[in-house]
């Protein structure tokens, strides 16, 4: 049994979830309509945790507005919980890389909970049509003003 198989088995036993590892060294779980995939990369000895945060069946075209929202959310990783937001096969995907060394099922549970909360937040923000992410709102001045207000940058 590989370290990944052992980790997933321990996690499944502790949580009562039924998780099956496929031939690509990955497994998936679903929470609140969100599909979270855990993939083991043996060569890098890490896990990639990822989840689609847009639904290609509901969002047939990745509009400029949606991509602008995604970039705004990605700025400095604050709105994404430090996770990566990228594009794959027509969907925006939130992802995180976790070294498998010293990872046990309790740490994995904590990481997955945090990641899932971030993914749900990003998904909701991307689907919120009331959010105004126009080009004018993303000017350099507004970005620096936002940073200054959050004490992240002193100008």
Protein backbone atom coordinates (compact mmCIF):
# COMPACT_ATOMS: atom_id res chain seq x y z
CA UNK A 1 0.00 0.00 0.00
CA UNK A 2 1.39 3.42 -0.98
CA UNK A 3 1.59 6.35 1.40
CA UNK A 4 -1.26 7.98 -0.54
CA UNK A 5 -3.47 4.90 -0.31
CA UNK A 6 -2.78 4.64 3.41
CA UNK A 7 -3.54 8.34 3.94
CA UNK A 8 -6.83 8.16 2.03
CA UNK A 9 -7.86 4.93 3.79
CA UNK A 10 -7.19 6.49 7.21
CA UNK A 11 -9.06 9.65 6.19
CA UNK A 12 -12.03 7.63 4.88
CA UNK A 13 -12.21 5.57 8.08
CA UNK A 14 -12.03 8.66 10.29
CA UNK A 15 -14.71 10.54 8.35
CA UNK A 16 -16.96 7.67 7.31
CA UNK A 17 -16.63 8.69 3.66
CA UNK A 18 -16.35 6.14 0.89
CA UNK A 19 -13.37 7.18 -1.22
CA UNK A 20 -11.99 5.19 -4.11
CA UNK A 21 -8.59 5.86 -5.62
CA UNK A 22 -8.59 5.57 -9.41
CA UNK A 23 -5.78 4.53 -11.74
CA UNK A 24 -4.63 8.17 -11.94
CA UNK A 25 -3.89 8.23 -8.20
CA UNK A 26 -6.83 10.48 -7.45
CA UNK A 27 -10.12 10.39 -5.62
CA UNK A 28 -13.00 12.82 -5.25
CA UNK A 29 -15.52 13.89 -2.67
CA UNK A 30 -18.53 16.14 -2.90
CA UNK A 31 -19.76 18.78 -0.48
CA UNK A 32 -22.44 21.43 -1.06
CA UNK A 33 -22.46 20.69 -4.79
CA UNK A 34 -18.70 21.17 -4.94
CA UNK A 35 -16.53 18.35 -6.27
CA UNK A 36 -13.11 18.28 -4.61
CA UNK A 37 -10.43 16.10 -6.20
CA UNK A 38 -7.33 14.89 -4.37
CA UNK A 39 -4.56 13.77 -6.70
CA UNK A 40 -1.24 12.25 -5.66
CA UNK A 41 1.80 13.19 -7.75
CA UNK A 42 4.31 10.50 -6.90
CA UNK A 43 7.26 12.16 -8.68
CA UNK A 44 6.79 15.33 -6.65
CA UNK A 45 5.57 13.49 -3.54
CA UNK A 46 2.69 15.89 -3.07
CA UNK A 47 -1.06 16.19 -3.32
CA UNK A 48 -2.89 18.52 -5.64
CA UNK A 49 -6.29 19.39 -4.27
CA UNK A 50 -8.59 21.06 -6.78
CA UNK A 51 -12.22 21.93 -7.44
CA UNK A 52 -14.06 23.50 -10.36
CA UNK A 53 -15.55 26.80 -9.22
CA UNK A 54 -17.51 27.43 -12.43
CA UNK A 55 -19.88 25.00 -14.07
CA UNK A 56 -19.32 24.70 -17.85
CA UNK A 57 -22.96 23.57 -18.23
CA UNK A 58 -24.14 26.82 -16.64
CA UNK A 59 -21.39 29.13 -17.88
CA UNK A 60 -21.08 28.37 -21.57
CA UNK A 61 -18.69 31.22 -22.23
CA UNK A 62 -16.00 32.51 -19.94
CA UNK A 63 -16.79 36.18 -20.38
CA UNK A 64 -14.43 39.07 -19.86
CA UNK A 65 -16.49 39.99 -16.79
CA UNK A 66 -16.12 36.53 -15.26
CA UNK A 67 -12.39 36.38 -15.97
CA UNK A 68 -12.00 39.89 -14.53
CA UNK A 69 -13.77 38.70 -11.37
CA UNK A 70 -11.43 35.70 -11.19
CA UNK A 71 -8.34 37.91 -11.50
CA UNK A 72 -9.67 40.30 -8.86
CA UNK A 73 -10.31 37.40 -6.47
CA UNK A 74 -6.82 36.02 -7.15
CA UNK A 75 -5.01 39.24 -6.27
CA UNK A 76 -2.47 38.36 -3.54
CA UNK A 77 -4.39 35.16 -2.78
CA UNK A 78 -6.43 36.85 -0.06
CA UNK A 79 -9.86 36.10 -1.52
CA UNK A 80 -8.83 32.57 -2.56
CA UNK A 81 -7.48 31.53 0.82
CA UNK A 82 -3.95 31.40 -0.62
CA UNK A 83 -5.05 28.87 -3.23
CA UNK A 84 -4.43 29.11 -6.98
CA UNK A 85 -7.16 30.01 -9.44
CA UNK A 86 -6.63 28.82 -13.01
CA UNK A 87 -8.34 27.73 -16.19
CA UNK A 88 -8.70 24.12 -17.34
CA UNK A 89 -10.99 22.63 -19.96
CA UNK A 90 -13.36 25.60 -19.98
CA UNK A 91 -13.75 25.83 -16.21
CA UNK A 92 -12.12 27.97 -13.58
CA UNK A 93 -10.39 25.68 -11.09
CA UNK A 94 -9.24 26.46 -7.56
CA UNK A 95 -6.22 24.39 -6.52
CA UNK A 96 -3.70 23.88 -3.78
CA UNK A 97 -0.48 21.85 -3.59
CA UNK A 98 0.29 20.05 -0.32
CA UNK A 99 3.51 18.13 0.43
CA UNK A 100 2.60 14.62 1.55
CA UNK A 101 5.54 14.39 3.96
CA UNK A 102 4.32 14.38 7.60
CA UNK A 103 0.69 14.55 6.44
CA UNK A 104 -1.79 12.47 8.41
CA UNK A 105 -5.56 12.10 8.07
CA UNK A 106 -6.24 14.79 10.69
CA UNK A 107 -4.08 17.37 8.91
CA UNK A 108 -5.64 16.35 5.59
CA UNK A 109 -9.13 16.86 7.06
CA UNK A 110 -8.18 20.36 8.24
CA UNK A 111 -6.68 21.23 4.85
CA UNK A 112 -9.70 19.87 2.97
CA UNK A 113 -12.13 21.79 5.17
CA UNK A 114 -10.25 25.04 4.67
CA UNK A 115 -9.90 24.42 0.93
CA UNK A 116 -13.60 23.56 0.54
CA UNK A 117 -14.63 26.72 2.38
CA UNK A 118 -12.39 28.78 0.08
CA UNK A 119 -13.71 27.03 -3.03
CA UNK A 120 -17.33 27.61 -2.00
CA UNK A 121 -16.57 31.27 -1.31
CA UNK A 122 -14.85 31.71 -4.69
CA UNK A 123 -17.65 29.86 -6.49
CA UNK A 124 -20.25 32.09 -4.85
CA UNK A 125 -18.30 35.26 -5.61
CA UNK A 126 -17.84 34.26 -9.24
CA UNK A 127 -21.54 33.49 -9.65
CA UNK A 128 -22.69 36.65 -7.86
CA UNK A 129 -23.90 38.82 -10.72
CA UNK A 130 -24.48 41.74 -8.35
CA UNK A 131 -20.73 42.15 -7.82
CA UNK A 132 -19.37 44.99 -9.91
CA UNK A 133 -15.96 44.09 -11.25
CA UNK A 134 -15.67 46.66 -14.00
CA UNK A 135 -12.35 47.84 -15.36
CA UNK A 136 -12.84 51.19 -13.62
CA UNK A 137 -13.07 49.43 -10.24
CA UNK A 138 -9.80 47.62 -10.86
CA UNK A 139 -7.66 50.66 -11.58
CA UNK A 140 -4.22 50.92 -10.02
CA UNK A 141 -5.49 53.61 -7.64
CA UNK A 142 -8.34 51.47 -6.33
CA UNK A 143 -6.02 48.49 -5.87
CA UNK A 144 -3.51 50.58 -3.92
CA UNK A 145 -6.30 52.22 -1.92
CA UNK A 146 -7.66 48.78 -1.03
CA UNK A 147 -4.19 47.63 0.02
CA UNK A 148 -3.63 50.75 2.06
CA UNK A 149 -6.99 50.32 3.81
CA UNK A 150 -6.03 46.76 4.68
CA UNK A 151 -2.62 47.94 5.94
CA UNK A 152 -0.92 45.63 3.47
CA UNK A 153 0.99 48.48 1.86
CA UNK A 154 2.09 51.87 3.06
CA UNK A 155 2.35 54.36 0.22
